[in-house]
Amino acid sequence: MDAFETLKIISKQWANTKDIQMLAHVGKDKARKIKKEIQSDLKSNRKWLLPNEWYVPMNELIKYLHIDLSYLKKVANKKEEHTQKFFTDNYIKK
């Protein structure tokens, strides 16, 4: 999964088990364990009321996984610039 795909998933407000699997590169059981750890922390330490057990806030998952958003954005922008330059150089007649 590249930086652009990661940013697309991270742009959601809530993360489900599948999102956790993709971002953490883990299986379903480990993803569920991560989700339960985040939910437990939010409920007990911060007194959050979560709407249901299927999701966790994406910003909490980003913190848990220590995802560097600025780095991902930089890498995604470089890839986009490279793709545009390649397309311009090879397919647009001057």
Protein backbone atom coordinates (compact mmCIF):
# COMPACT_ATOMS: atom_id res chain seq x y z
CA MET A 1 0.00 0.00 0.00
CA ASP A 2 1.48 3.34 -0.98
CA ALA A 3 1.25 6.74 0.72
CA PHE A 4 -1.74 7.88 -1.35
CA GLU A 5 -3.76 4.76 -0.47
CA THR A 6 -2.84 5.17 3.20
CA LEU A 7 -3.98 8.81 3.17
CA LYS A 8 -7.24 7.78 1.52
CA ILE A 9 -7.99 5.38 4.39
CA ILE A 10 -6.85 7.89 7.02
CA SER A 11 -9.19 10.54 5.60
CA LYS A 12 -12.16 8.68 7.11
CA GLN A 13 -13.52 9.85 10.45
CA TRP A 14 -13.92 6.34 11.89
CA ALA A 15 -11.82 3.18 11.49
CA ASN A 16 -13.23 -0.33 11.33
CA THR A 17 -11.40 -3.64 11.66
CA LYS A 18 -10.58 -3.77 7.94
CA ASP A 19 -9.04 -0.27 8.06
CA ILE A 20 -6.93 -1.29 11.06
CA GLN A 21 -5.78 -4.42 9.23
CA MET A 22 -4.67 -2.38 6.24
CA LEU A 23 -2.95 0.41 8.18
CA ALA A 24 -1.22 -1.84 10.73
CA HIS A 25 -0.48 -4.69 8.29
CA VAL A 26 -1.95 -7.27 10.65
CA GLY A 27 -4.57 -10.01 10.55
CA LYS A 28 -8.16 -9.81 11.69
CA ASP A 29 -7.53 -11.05 15.25
CA LYS A 30 -4.71 -8.56 15.91
CA ALA A 31 -6.80 -5.75 14.36
CA ARG A 32 -9.66 -6.57 16.72
CA LYS A 33 -7.24 -6.56 19.66
CA ILE A 34 -5.94 -3.10 18.63
CA LYS A 35 -9.50 -1.83 18.29
CA LYS A 36 -10.43 -3.15 21.75
CA GLU A 37 -7.31 -1.57 23.30
CA ILE A 38 -8.20 1.82 21.81
CA GLN A 39 -11.83 1.48 22.89
CA SER A 40 -10.84 0.47 26.40
CA ASP A 41 -8.49 3.43 26.71
CA LEU A 42 -11.13 5.85 25.48
CA LYS A 43 -13.84 4.48 27.78
CA SER A 44 -11.84 4.09 30.97
CA ASN A 45 -9.15 6.77 30.89
CA ARG A 46 -10.88 9.53 28.95
CA LYS A 47 -14.54 8.76 29.66
CA TRP A 48 -15.58 8.75 26.01
CA LEU A 49 -18.91 7.34 24.92
CA LEU A 50 -18.45 5.52 21.63
CA PRO A 51 -21.47 5.11 19.33
CA ASN A 52 -20.85 1.37 18.86
CA GLU A 53 -18.21 -1.34 19.10
CA TRP A 54 -17.57 -1.52 15.35
CA TYR A 55 -15.49 1.64 15.01
CA VAL A 56 -12.80 3.72 16.69
CA PRO A 57 -11.95 7.35 15.93
CA MET A 58 -9.35 7.49 13.14
CA ASN A 59 -7.28 10.12 14.97
CA GLU A 60 -6.91 7.71 17.90
CA LEU A 61 -5.78 4.92 15.57
CA ILE A 62 -3.24 7.26 13.98
CA LYS A 63 -1.85 8.04 17.44
CA TYR A 64 -1.81 4.37 18.42
CA LEU A 65 0.09 3.34 15.26
CA HIS A 66 2.38 6.41 15.37
CA ILE A 67 1.61 7.30 11.75
CA ASP A 68 3.53 10.33 10.48
CA LEU A 69 0.98 12.27 8.42
CA SER A 70 3.36 14.98 7.26
CA TYR A 71 5.74 12.36 5.84
CA LEU A 72 2.90 10.55 4.05
CA LYS A 73 1.67 13.80 2.51
CA LYS A 74 5.18 14.67 1.35
CA VAL A 75 5.70 11.25 -0.25
CA ALA A 76 2.27 11.32 -1.91
CA ASN A 77 2.94 14.80 -3.35
CA LYS A 78 6.32 13.73 -4.75
CA LYS A 79 4.76 10.70 -6.41
CA GLU A 80 2.02 12.86 -7.91
CA GLU A 81 4.58 15.39 -9.22
CA HIS A 82 6.65 12.57 -10.72
CA THR A 83 3.58 11.06 -12.40
CA GLN A 84 2.54 14.43 -13.86
CA LYS A 85 6.06 15.09 -15.16
CA PHE A 86 6.25 11.61 -16.73
CA PHE A 87 2.87 12.09 -18.41
CA THR A 88 3.79 15.57 -19.64
CA ASP A 89 7.20 14.48 -20.96
CA ASN A 90 5.93 11.36 -22.71
CA TYR A 91 2.41 12.04 -23.90
CA ILE A 92 1.94 15.76 -24.49
CA LYS A 93 3.29 17.01 -27.79
CA LYS A 94 5.14 20.27 -27.69
